[in-house]
Amino acid sequence: MASAVVWGAGQVLNGQPLKGAAFALAWAGTVATELVTGSYPPGAGGFSPRADGGFFVHGLWGLVTLGTQPRTMGLAGLTPGDHSIVLMVNGIIALFVLLILLALGVWSVRDAWVVGQRRVRGESVETSREWLRGLWRESYAYLVLLPSMLVVLFVSVLPIVFGILIAFTSYDRNHLPPAELVEWVGLQNFGRVVAVATWARTFGGVLVWTVVWALLATLTTYLFGFFQAVVLASRRVRYQVATATRRSPCGWSTRPTAMRSRPPSRRPTPGPASTTRWSPRSRPSTA
């Protein structure tokens, strides 16, 4: 249970200090990020997520409330206040980061419990170096793909989630931040769309076409791509298409070429060793 309080504490107790230090570093970074970006300890008026919260607390508060203090127009411009759209985006980012850290914390607790059970049964426990070697060997593909997956999460998935969530708010021409705040309205927008016949037909047509396009685009892309890969990898195909990469003066270029499939090579049968070596210079004369 030590890892549930401080990540890596269970690994240290199990005799794996380097593994425990890795988990503890992630835990310390999480706590430090919240403390540095927030106002701790709070002032005399008590703790306020809006005024004192850090990256995670203020982000989740903004995602739930979408702001509480609207901005008004004064002589010097808009007064300080909350921007609902910015709060929503920051809240989604904070939520994504927290989910990643939560998965890391669950991994830390589970790993400490599994290793602890091995020690109770008297089994040998791998060292931190052995664990790192095994992690690199068995999870190499995931480690290499991790940066790309993070980029996809924050560049592709985040806008999709934002677009879905904005449909459940009062965002319209009468509620445009930063002058106006936006609030959660649930399914009220969809009820208004269905209540008007013209809007309902338009919404239904767009929804059906979106679903049909998504299904057809996904199925045709994967099915035809998989079929082509199976055909090209089959030994029954006499001529297989490959991609040859050549360097041109202006950079790298590729062009498809046809290559004949070769049968699997057979190892020659062992025979008496020959002491004669062939070389281009020792080519027999044809005279």
C-alpha atoms as a PDB file:
ATOM      1  CA  MET A   1       0.000   0.000   0.000  1.00  0.00           C
ATOM      2  CA  ALA A   2       3.027   2.284   0.225  1.00  0.00           C
ATOM      3  CA  SER A   3       2.948   2.867  -3.542  1.00  0.00           C
ATOM      4  CA  ALA A   4      -0.649   4.091  -3.275  1.00  0.00           C
ATOM      5  CA  VAL A   5       0.578   7.006  -1.114  1.00  0.00           C
ATOM      6  CA  VAL A   6       3.927   7.687  -2.780  1.00  0.00           C
ATOM      7  CA  TRP A   7       4.592   6.086  -6.138  1.00  0.00           C
ATOM      8  CA  GLY A   8       7.693   3.931  -6.053  1.00  0.00           C
ATOM      9  CA  ALA A   9       7.730   3.389  -2.281  1.00  0.00           C
ATOM     10  CA  GLY A  10       6.621  -0.227  -2.687  1.00  0.00           C
ATOM     11  CA  GLN A  11       9.353  -0.862  -5.257  1.00  0.00           C
ATOM     12  CA  VAL A  12      11.979   0.482  -2.847  1.00  0.00           C
ATOM     13  CA  LEU A  13      10.693  -1.816  -0.107  1.00  0.00           C
ATOM     14  CA  ASN A  14      10.886  -4.725  -2.545  1.00  0.00           C
ATOM     15  CA  GLY A  15      14.563  -4.053  -3.220  1.00  0.00           C
ATOM     16  CA  GLN A  16      14.159  -2.273  -6.568  1.00  0.00           C
ATOM     17  CA  PRO A  17      15.402   1.272  -5.903  1.00  0.00           C
ATOM     18  CA  LEU A  18      15.897   2.346  -9.516  1.00  0.00           C
ATOM     19  CA  LYS A  19      12.375   1.285 -10.487  1.00  0.00           C
ATOM     20  CA  GLY A  20      11.014   3.025  -7.414  1.00  0.00           C
ATOM     21  CA  ALA A  21      12.950   6.186  -8.263  1.00  0.00           C
ATOM     22  CA  ALA A  22      11.376   6.258 -11.732  1.00  0.00           C
ATOM     23  CA  PHE A  23       7.846   6.058 -10.324  1.00  0.00           C
ATOM     24  CA  ALA A  24       8.676   8.507  -7.517  1.00  0.00           C
ATOM     25  CA  LEU A  25      10.011  11.011 -10.053  1.00  0.00           C
ATOM     26  CA  ALA A  26       6.702  10.952 -11.937  1.00  0.00           C
ATOM     27  CA  TRP A  27       4.795  11.385  -8.656  1.00  0.00           C
ATOM     28  CA  ALA A  28       7.032  14.256  -7.547  1.00  0.00           C
ATOM     29  CA  GLY A  29       6.650  15.942 -10.936  1.00  0.00           C
ATOM     30  CA  THR A  30       2.860  15.753 -10.661  1.00  0.00           C
ATOM     31  CA  VAL A  31       2.784  17.260  -7.179  1.00  0.00           C
ATOM     32  CA  ALA A  32       5.372  19.909  -8.062  1.00  0.00           C
ATOM     33  CA  THR A  33       3.402  20.969 -11.147  1.00  0.00           C
ATOM     34  CA  GLU A  34       0.276  21.549  -9.074  1.00  0.00           C
ATOM     35  CA  LEU A  35       2.152  23.393  -6.308  1.00  0.00           C
ATOM     36  CA  VAL A  36       4.174  25.624  -8.635  1.00  0.00           C
ATOM     37  CA  THR A  37       1.253  26.618 -10.872  1.00  0.00           C
ATOM     38  CA  GLY A  38      -1.114  27.248  -7.939  1.00  0.00           C
ATOM     39  CA  SER A  39      -1.165  29.466  -4.878  1.00  0.00           C
ATOM     40  CA  TYR A  40      -0.268  27.250  -1.935  1.00  0.00           C
ATOM     41  CA  PRO A  41      -0.877  27.732   0.917  1.00  0.00           C
ATOM     42  CA  PRO A  42      -4.140  29.603   0.216  1.00  0.00           C
ATOM     43  CA  GLY A  43      -4.825  33.072   1.516  1.00  0.00           C
ATOM     44  CA  ALA A  44      -6.792  34.112   4.565  1.00  0.00           C
ATOM     45  CA  GLY A  45     -10.081  33.791   2.705  1.00  0.00           C
ATOM     46  CA  GLY A  46      -9.700  30.041   2.281  1.00  0.00           C
ATOM     47  CA  PHE A  47      -8.912  27.903  -0.702  1.00  0.00           C
ATOM     48  CA  SER A  48     -10.571  28.798  -3.998  1.00  0.00           C
ATOM     49  CA  PRO A  49     -10.066  26.566  -7.059  1.00  0.00           C
ATOM     50  CA  ARG A  50     -10.474  29.556  -9.344  1.00  0.00           C
ATOM     51  CA  ALA A  51      -7.919  31.759  -7.593  1.00  0.00           C
ATOM     52  CA  ASP A  52      -5.605  29.284  -5.852  1.00  0.00           C
ATOM     53  CA  GLY A  53      -5.848  26.089  -7.882  1.00  0.00           C
ATOM     54  CA  GLY A  54      -2.912  24.890  -9.936  1.00  0.00           C
ATOM     55  CA  PHE A  55      -2.782  23.266 -13.350  1.00  0.00           C
ATOM     56  CA  PHE A  56      -4.852  20.222 -12.401  1.00  0.00           C
ATOM     57  CA  VAL A  57      -7.253  21.689  -9.816  1.00  0.00           C
ATOM     58  CA  HIS A  58      -7.962  24.867 -11.775  1.00  0.00           C
ATOM     59  CA  GLY A  59      -8.247  22.898 -15.014  1.00  0.00           C
ATOM     60  CA  LEU A  60     -10.837  20.483 -13.642  1.00  0.00           C
ATOM     61  CA  TRP A  61     -12.706  23.358 -11.986  1.00  0.00           C
ATOM     62  CA  GLY A  62     -12.871  25.195 -15.303  1.00  0.00           C
ATOM     63  CA  LEU A  63     -14.062  22.086 -17.148  1.00  0.00           C
ATOM     64  CA  VAL A  64     -16.887  21.561 -14.648  1.00  0.00           C
ATOM     65  CA  THR A  65     -18.038  25.176 -14.189  1.00  0.00           C
ATOM     66  CA  LEU A  66     -16.883  26.855 -17.464  1.00  0.00           C
ATOM     67  CA  GLY A  67     -16.260  29.975 -15.433  1.00  0.00           C
ATOM     68  CA  THR A  68     -18.115  31.973 -12.810  1.00  0.00           C
ATOM     69  CA  GLN A  69     -17.006  35.581 -13.372  1.00  0.00           C
ATOM     70  CA  PRO A  70     -18.042  37.145 -16.705  1.00  0.00           C
ATOM     71  CA  ARG A  71     -16.054  39.918 -18.309  1.00  0.00           C
ATOM     72  CA  THR A  72     -17.641  43.326 -18.802  1.00  0.00           C
ATOM     73  CA  MET A  73     -16.716  46.197 -21.086  1.00  0.00           C
ATOM     74  CA  GLY A  74     -15.167  49.160 -19.297  1.00  0.00           C
ATOM     75  CA  LEU A  75     -13.354  52.308 -20.268  1.00  0.00           C
ATOM     76  CA  ALA A  76     -10.062  50.414 -20.593  1.00  0.00           C
ATOM     77  CA  GLY A  77     -11.614  47.435 -22.367  1.00  0.00           C
ATOM     78  CA  LEU A  78     -12.780  44.108 -21.028  1.00  0.00           C
ATOM     79  CA  THR A  79     -12.351  43.605 -17.321  1.00  0.00           C
ATOM     80  CA  PRO A  80     -10.561  40.493 -16.011  1.00  0.00           C
ATOM     81  CA  GLY A  81     -12.747  37.415 -15.905  1.00  0.00           C
ATOM     82  CA  ASP A  82     -13.223  33.878 -17.163  1.00  0.00           C
ATOM     83  CA  HIS A  83     -13.137  32.658 -20.758  1.00  0.00           C
ATOM     84  CA  SER A  84     -15.347  29.573 -20.981  1.00  0.00           C
ATOM     85  CA  ILE A  85     -13.751  28.121 -24.135  1.00  0.00           C
ATOM     86  CA  VAL A  86     -10.216  28.524 -22.792  1.00  0.00           C
ATOM     87  CA  LEU A  87     -11.278  26.940 -19.511  1.00  0.00           C
ATOM     88  CA  MET A  88     -12.790  23.995 -21.370  1.00  0.00           C
ATOM     89  CA  VAL A  89      -9.656  23.385 -23.441  1.00  0.00           C
ATOM     90  CA  ASN A  90      -7.381  23.667 -20.404  1.00  0.00           C
ATOM     91  CA  GLY A  91      -9.676  21.332 -18.497  1.00  0.00           C
ATOM     92  CA  ILE A  92      -9.569  18.702 -21.242  1.00  0.00           C
ATOM     93  CA  ILE A  93      -5.768  18.873 -21.309  1.00  0.00           C
ATOM     94  CA  ALA A  94      -5.598  18.556 -17.528  1.00  0.00           C
ATOM     95  CA  LEU A  95      -8.004  15.610 -17.639  1.00  0.00           C
ATOM     96  CA  PHE A  96      -5.940  13.807 -20.289  1.00  0.00           C
ATOM     97  CA  VAL A  97      -2.732  14.310 -18.324  1.00  0.00           C
ATOM     98  CA  LEU A  98      -4.410  13.115 -15.128  1.00  0.00           C
ATOM     99  CA  LEU A  99      -5.673   9.963 -16.851  1.00  0.00           C
ATOM    100  CA  ILE A 100      -2.156   9.196 -18.076  1.00  0.00           C
ATOM    101  CA  LEU A 101      -0.741   9.774 -14.592  1.00  0.00           C
ATOM    102  CA  LEU A 102      -3.527   7.693 -13.062  1.00  0.00           C
ATOM    103  CA  ALA A 103      -2.591   4.783 -15.334  1.00  0.00           C
ATOM    104  CA  LEU A 104       1.028   5.207 -14.251  1.00  0.00           C
ATOM    105  CA  GLY A 105      -0.010   5.192 -10.591  1.00  0.00           C
ATOM    106  CA  VAL A 106      -2.089   2.025 -11.046  1.00  0.00           C
ATOM    107  CA  TRP A 107       0.895   0.415 -12.758  1.00  0.00           C
ATOM    108  CA  SER A 108       3.106   1.359  -9.796  1.00  0.00           C
ATOM    109  CA  VAL A 109       0.711  -0.121  -7.224  1.00  0.00           C
ATOM    110  CA  ARG A 110       0.111  -3.294  -9.233  1.00  0.00           C
ATOM    111  CA  ASP A 111       3.824  -3.839  -9.862  1.00  0.00           C
ATOM    112  CA  ALA A 112       4.651  -3.412  -6.177  1.00  0.00           C
ATOM    113  CA  TRP A 113       1.903  -5.868  -5.201  1.00  0.00           C
ATOM    114  CA  VAL A 114       3.001  -8.514  -7.747  1.00  0.00           C
ATOM    115  CA  VAL A 115       6.660  -8.282  -6.735  1.00  0.00           C
ATOM    116  CA  GLY A 116       5.685  -8.361  -3.058  1.00  0.00           C
ATOM    117  CA  GLN A 117       3.710 -11.576  -3.587  1.00  0.00           C
ATOM    118  CA  ARG A 118       6.756 -13.140  -5.225  1.00  0.00           C
ATOM    119  CA  ARG A 119       8.879 -12.261  -2.224  1.00  0.00           C
ATOM    120  CA  VAL A 120       6.306 -13.779   0.137  1.00  0.00           C
ATOM    121  CA  ARG A 121       6.386 -17.043  -1.850  1.00  0.00           C
ATOM    122  CA  GLY A 122      10.184 -17.063  -1.682  1.00  0.00           C
ATOM    123  CA  GLU A 123      10.701 -16.575  -5.421  1.00  0.00           C
ATOM    124  CA  SER A 124      13.592 -14.629  -6.870  1.00  0.00           C
ATOM    125  CA  VAL A 125      12.908 -10.984  -7.657  1.00  0.00           C
ATOM    126  CA  GLU A 126      14.529  -9.274 -10.615  1.00  0.00           C
ATOM    127  CA  THR A 127      16.685  -6.247 -10.023  1.00  0.00           C
ATOM    128  CA  SER A 128      15.920  -2.805 -11.364  1.00  0.00           C
ATOM    129  CA  ARG A 129      18.480  -3.203 -14.146  1.00  0.00           C
ATOM    130  CA  GLU A 130      16.974  -6.522 -15.192  1.00  0.00           C
ATOM    131  CA  TRP A 131      13.526  -4.939 -15.157  1.00  0.00           C
ATOM    132  CA  LEU A 132      14.708  -2.086 -17.389  1.00  0.00           C
ATOM    133  CA  ARG A 133      16.309  -4.534 -19.831  1.00  0.00           C
ATOM    134  CA  GLY A 134      13.148  -6.632 -19.931  1.00  0.00           C
ATOM    135  CA  LEU A 135      10.956  -3.546 -20.373  1.00  0.00           C
ATOM    136  CA  TRP A 136      13.112  -2.358 -23.274  1.00  0.00           C
ATOM    137  CA  ARG A 137      13.115  -5.803 -24.875  1.00  0.00           C
ATOM    138  CA  GLU A 138       9.441  -6.701 -24.456  1.00  0.00           C
ATOM    139  CA  SER A 139       7.871  -3.233 -24.822  1.00  0.00           C
ATOM    140  CA  TYR A 140      10.215  -1.709 -27.384  1.00  0.00           C
ATOM    141  CA  ALA A 141       7.429  -1.151 -29.928  1.00  0.00           C
ATOM    142  CA  TYR A 142       5.228   0.651 -27.398  1.00  0.00           C
ATOM    143  CA  LEU A 143       8.107   2.824 -26.183  1.00  0.00           C
ATOM    144  CA  VAL A 144       8.930   3.871 -29.744  1.00  0.00           C
ATOM    145  CA  LEU A 145       5.286   4.638 -30.525  1.00  0.00           C
ATOM    146  CA  LEU A 146       4.706   6.527 -27.254  1.00  0.00           C
ATOM    147  CA  PRO A 147       5.744  10.010 -28.552  1.00  0.00           C
ATOM    148  CA  SER A 148       3.546   9.611 -31.634  1.00  0.00           C
ATOM    149  CA  MET A 149       0.638   8.415 -29.518  1.00  0.00           C
ATOM    150  CA  LEU A 150       0.943  11.473 -27.277  1.00  0.00           C
ATOM    151  CA  VAL A 151       0.987  13.764 -30.318  1.00  0.00           C
ATOM    152  CA  VAL A 152      -2.133  12.061 -31.715  1.00  0.00           C
ATOM    153  CA  LEU A 153      -3.833  12.347 -28.318  1.00  0.00           C
ATOM    154  CA  PHE A 154      -3.360  16.097 -28.011  1.00  0.00           C
ATOM    155  CA  VAL A 155      -3.517  17.035 -31.704  1.00  0.00           C
ATOM    156  CA  SER A 156      -6.275  14.747 -33.020  1.00  0.00           C
ATOM    157  CA  VAL A 157      -8.264  13.340 -30.088  1.00  0.00           C
ATOM    158  CA  LEU A 158      -8.440  16.575 -28.087  1.00  0.00           C
ATOM    159  CA  PRO A 159     -10.189  18.609 -30.857  1.00  0.00           C
ATOM    160  CA  ILE A 160     -12.676  15.770 -31.356  1.00  0.00           C
ATOM    161  CA  VAL A 161     -13.517  15.698 -27.647  1.00  0.00           C
ATOM    162  CA  PHE A 162     -13.793  19.497 -27.629  1.00  0.00           C
ATOM    163  CA  GLY A 163     -16.187  19.409 -30.586  1.00  0.00           C
ATOM    164  CA  ILE A 164     -18.358  16.838 -28.838  1.00  0.00           C
ATOM    165  CA  LEU A 165     -18.453  18.709 -25.532  1.00  0.00           C
ATOM    166  CA  ILE A 166     -19.241  22.075 -27.130  1.00  0.00           C
ATOM    167  CA  ALA A 167     -22.503  20.582 -28.428  1.00  0.00           C
ATOM    168  CA  PHE A 168     -23.708  20.221 -24.827  1.00  0.00           C
ATOM    169  CA  THR A 169     -23.173  23.889 -23.935  1.00  0.00           C
ATOM    170  CA  SER A 170     -25.049  27.142 -24.560  1.00  0.00           C
ATOM    171  CA  TYR A 171     -22.450  28.345 -27.063  1.00  0.00           C
ATOM    172  CA  ASP A 172     -24.277  30.412 -29.691  1.00  0.00           C
ATOM    173  CA  ARG A 173     -24.373  33.936 -31.070  1.00  0.00           C
ATOM    174  CA  ASN A 174     -25.900  35.182 -27.811  1.00  0.00           C
ATOM    175  CA  HIS A 175     -23.199  33.539 -25.677  1.00  0.00           C
ATOM    176  CA  LEU A 176     -19.866  34.391 -27.266  1.00  0.00           C
ATOM    177  CA  PRO A 177     -16.820  34.433 -24.972  1.00  0.00           C
ATOM    178  CA  PRO A 178     -15.084  36.367 -23.621  1.00  0.00           C
ATOM    179  CA  ALA A 179     -17.951  38.869 -23.239  1.00  0.00           C
ATOM    180  CA  GLU A 180     -20.397  36.138 -22.213  1.00  0.00           C
ATOM    181  CA  LEU A 181     -19.967  32.926 -20.264  1.00  0.00           C
ATOM    182  CA  VAL A 182     -20.971  29.535 -21.595  1.00  0.00           C
ATOM    183  CA  GLU A 183     -22.745  26.965 -19.426  1.00  0.00           C
ATOM    184  CA  TRP A 184     -23.622  23.302 -19.693  1.00  0.00           C
ATOM    185  CA  VAL A 185     -27.149  22.671 -20.999  1.00  0.00           C
ATOM    186  CA  GLY A 186     -27.083  18.897 -21.497  1.00  0.00           C
ATOM    187  CA  LEU A 187     -29.336  17.625 -24.293  1.00  0.00           C
ATOM    188  CA  GLN A 188     -31.273  20.883 -24.583  1.00  0.00           C
ATOM    189  CA  ASN A 189     -29.669  21.778 -27.939  1.00  0.00           C
ATOM    190  CA  PHE A 190     -30.582  18.414 -29.433  1.00  0.00           C
ATOM    191  CA  GLY A 191     -34.139  18.810 -28.178  1.00  0.00           C
ATOM    192  CA  ARG A 192     -34.427  22.130 -30.001  1.00  0.00           C
ATOM    193  CA  VAL A 193     -33.098  20.584 -33.206  1.00  0.00           C
ATOM    194  CA  VAL A 194     -35.591  17.718 -33.083  1.00  0.00           C
ATOM    195  CA  ALA A 195     -38.492  20.052 -32.233  1.00  0.00           C
ATOM    196  CA  VAL A 196     -38.167  21.973 -35.532  1.00  0.00           C
ATOM    197  CA  ALA A 197     -39.006  19.827 -38.572  1.00  0.00           C
ATOM    198  CA  THR A 198     -36.605  21.586 -40.953  1.00  0.00           C
ATOM    199  CA  TRP A 199     -33.700  21.343 -38.533  1.00  0.00           C
ATOM    200  CA  ALA A 200     -34.578  17.733 -37.737  1.00  0.00           C
ATOM    201  CA  ARG A 201     -34.444  16.695 -41.423  1.00  0.00           C
ATOM    202  CA  THR A 202     -31.155  18.514 -41.939  1.00  0.00           C
ATOM    203  CA  PHE A 203     -29.627  17.078 -38.769  1.00  0.00           C
ATOM    204  CA  GLY A 204     -30.835  13.568 -39.600  1.00  0.00           C
ATOM    205  CA  GLY A 205     -29.455  13.696 -43.140  1.00  0.00           C
ATOM    206  CA  VAL A 206     -26.072  14.968 -42.002  1.00  0.00           C
ATOM    207  CA  LEU A 207     -25.918  12.390 -39.206  1.00  0.00           C
ATOM    208  CA  VAL A 208     -26.781   9.461 -41.493  1.00  0.00           C
ATOM    209  CA  TRP A 209     -24.295  10.547 -44.150  1.00  0.00           C
ATOM    210  CA  THR A 210     -21.560  10.986 -41.527  1.00  0.00           C
ATOM    211  CA  VAL A 211     -22.130   7.483 -40.163  1.00  0.00           C
ATOM    212  CA  VAL A 212     -22.267   5.928 -43.636  1.00  0.00           C
ATOM    213  CA  TRP A 213     -19.133   7.747 -44.770  1.00  0.00           C
ATOM    214  CA  ALA A 214     -17.213   6.801 -41.626  1.00  0.00           C
ATOM    215  CA  LEU A 215     -18.166   3.109 -41.934  1.00  0.00           C
ATOM    216  CA  LEU A 216     -17.455   2.861 -45.649  1.00  0.00           C
ATOM    217  CA  ALA A 217     -14.200   4.802 -45.446  1.00  0.00           C
ATOM    218  CA  THR A 218     -12.942   2.693 -42.553  1.00  0.00           C
ATOM    219  CA  LEU A 219     -14.038  -0.682 -43.924  1.00  0.00           C
ATOM    220  CA  THR A 220     -12.833  -0.118 -47.472  1.00  0.00           C
ATOM    221  CA  THR A 221      -9.483   1.283 -46.354  1.00  0.00           C
ATOM    222  CA  TYR A 222      -8.674  -1.557 -43.973  1.00  0.00           C
ATOM    223  CA  LEU A 223     -10.240  -4.399 -45.954  1.00  0.00           C
ATOM    224  CA  PHE A 224      -8.692  -3.490 -49.313  1.00  0.00           C
ATOM    225  CA  GLY A 225      -5.380  -2.663 -47.674  1.00  0.00           C
ATOM    226  CA  PHE A 226      -5.350  -5.986 -45.822  1.00  0.00           C
ATOM    227  CA  PHE A 227      -6.335  -7.847 -48.993  1.00  0.00           C
ATOM    228  CA  GLN A 228      -3.538  -6.192 -50.949  1.00  0.00           C
ATOM    229  CA  ALA A 229      -0.997  -7.022 -48.234  1.00  0.00           C
ATOM    230  CA  VAL A 230      -2.076 -10.684 -48.226  1.00  0.00           C
ATOM    231  CA  VAL A 231      -1.836 -10.882 -52.019  1.00  0.00           C
ATOM    232  CA  LEU A 232       1.604  -9.316 -52.139  1.00  0.00           C
ATOM    233  CA  ALA A 233       2.908 -11.557 -49.353  1.00  0.00           C
ATOM    234  CA  SER A 234       1.542 -14.762 -50.934  1.00  0.00           C
ATOM    235  CA  ARG A 235       4.051 -17.169 -52.479  1.00  0.00           C
ATOM    236  CA  ARG A 236       1.584 -17.912 -55.266  1.00  0.00           C
ATOM    237  CA  VAL A 237       2.145 -14.453 -56.722  1.00  0.00           C
ATOM    238  CA  ARG A 238       4.854 -14.727 -59.348  1.00  0.00           C
ATOM    239  CA  TYR A 239       5.627 -11.026 -59.626  1.00  0.00           C
ATOM    240  CA  GLN A 240       5.474  -8.992 -56.438  1.00  0.00           C
ATOM    241  CA  VAL A 241       5.499  -5.226 -56.274  1.00  0.00           C
ATOM    242  CA  ALA A 242       8.178  -3.665 -54.119  1.00  0.00           C
ATOM    243  CA  THR A 243       9.271  -0.102 -53.535  1.00  0.00           C
ATOM    244  CA  ALA A 244      12.795   0.792 -54.452  1.00  0.00           C
ATOM    245  CA  THR A 245      14.263   3.896 -52.852  1.00  0.00           C
ATOM    246  CA  ARG A 246      16.793   5.864 -54.824  1.00  0.00           C
ATOM    247  CA  ARG A 247      18.535   9.075 -54.051  1.00  0.00           C
ATOM    248  CA  SER A 248      18.052  11.906 -56.489  1.00  0.00           C
ATOM    249  CA  PRO A 249      19.877  15.260 -56.524  1.00  0.00           C
ATOM    250  CA  CYS A 250      16.841  16.968 -55.020  1.00  0.00           C
ATOM    251  CA  GLY A 251      16.290  14.387 -52.268  1.00  0.00           C
ATOM    252  CA  TRP A 252      14.851  10.940 -51.721  1.00  0.00           C
ATOM    253  CA  SER A 253      12.405   9.534 -54.255  1.00  0.00           C
ATOM    254  CA  THR A 254      10.593   6.234 -54.572  1.00  0.00           C
ATOM    255  CA  ARG A 255       9.333   4.378 -57.597  1.00  0.00           C
ATOM    256  CA  PRO A 256       7.587   0.997 -57.740  1.00  0.00           C
ATOM    257  CA  THR A 257       9.478  -1.828 -59.414  1.00  0.00           C
ATOM    258  CA  ALA A 258       8.484  -5.395 -60.235  1.00  0.00           C
ATOM    259  CA  MET A 259      10.513  -8.114 -58.556  1.00  0.00           C
ATOM    260  CA  ARG A 260      10.128 -11.794 -59.191  1.00  0.00           C
ATOM    261  CA  SER A 261       9.468 -13.861 -56.124  1.00  0.00           C
ATOM    262  CA  ARG A 262      12.310 -16.234 -55.389  1.00  0.00           C
ATOM    263  CA  PRO A 263      11.808 -19.666 -53.873  1.00  0.00           C
ATOM    264  CA  PRO A 264      13.253 -20.266 -50.420  1.00  0.00           C
ATOM    265  CA  SER A 265      16.945 -20.953 -50.555  1.00  0.00           C
ATOM    266  CA  ARG A 266      18.063 -24.482 -49.868  1.00  0.00           C
ATOM    267  CA  ARG A 267      21.160 -25.202 -47.909  1.00  0.00           C
ATOM    268  CA  PRO A 268      23.713 -27.169 -49.911  1.00  0.00           C
ATOM    269  CA  THR A 269      24.413 -30.689 -48.870  1.00  0.00           C
ATOM    270  CA  PRO A 270      27.723 -31.070 -47.054  1.00  0.00           C
ATOM    271  CA  GLY A 271      30.510 -32.422 -49.209  1.00  0.00           C
ATOM    272  CA  PRO A 272      34.254 -32.530 -49.346  1.00  0.00           C
ATOM    273  CA  ALA A 273      35.818 -29.165 -48.727  1.00  0.00           C
ATOM    274  CA  SER A 274      37.446 -27.567 -51.713  1.00  0.00           C
ATOM    275  CA  THR A 275      40.775 -25.834 -51.350  1.00  0.00           C
ATOM    276  CA  THR A 276      40.384 -23.837 -54.561  1.00  0.00           C
ATOM    277  CA  ARG A 277      38.966 -20.332 -54.337  1.00  0.00           C
ATOM    278  CA  TRP A 278      37.438 -18.616 -57.334  1.00  0.00           C
ATOM    279  CA  SER A 279      38.158 -15.001 -58.057  1.00  0.00           C
ATOM    280  CA  PRO A 280      37.600 -12.774 -61.079  1.00  0.00           C
ATOM    281  CA  ARG A 281      41.299 -12.981 -61.832  1.00  0.00           C
ATOM    282  CA  SER A 282      41.298 -16.776 -61.887  1.00  0.00           C
ATOM    283  CA  ARG A 283      38.543 -16.986 -64.524  1.00  0.00           C
ATOM    284  CA  PRO A 284      39.239 -19.946 -66.827  1.00  0.00           C
ATOM    285  CA  SER A 285      40.368 -19.100 -70.320  1.00  0.00           C
ATOM    286  CA  THR A 286      37.902 -19.714 -73.162  1.00  0.00           C
ATOM    287  CA  ALA A 287      40.600 -19.848 -75.812  1.00  0.00           C
END
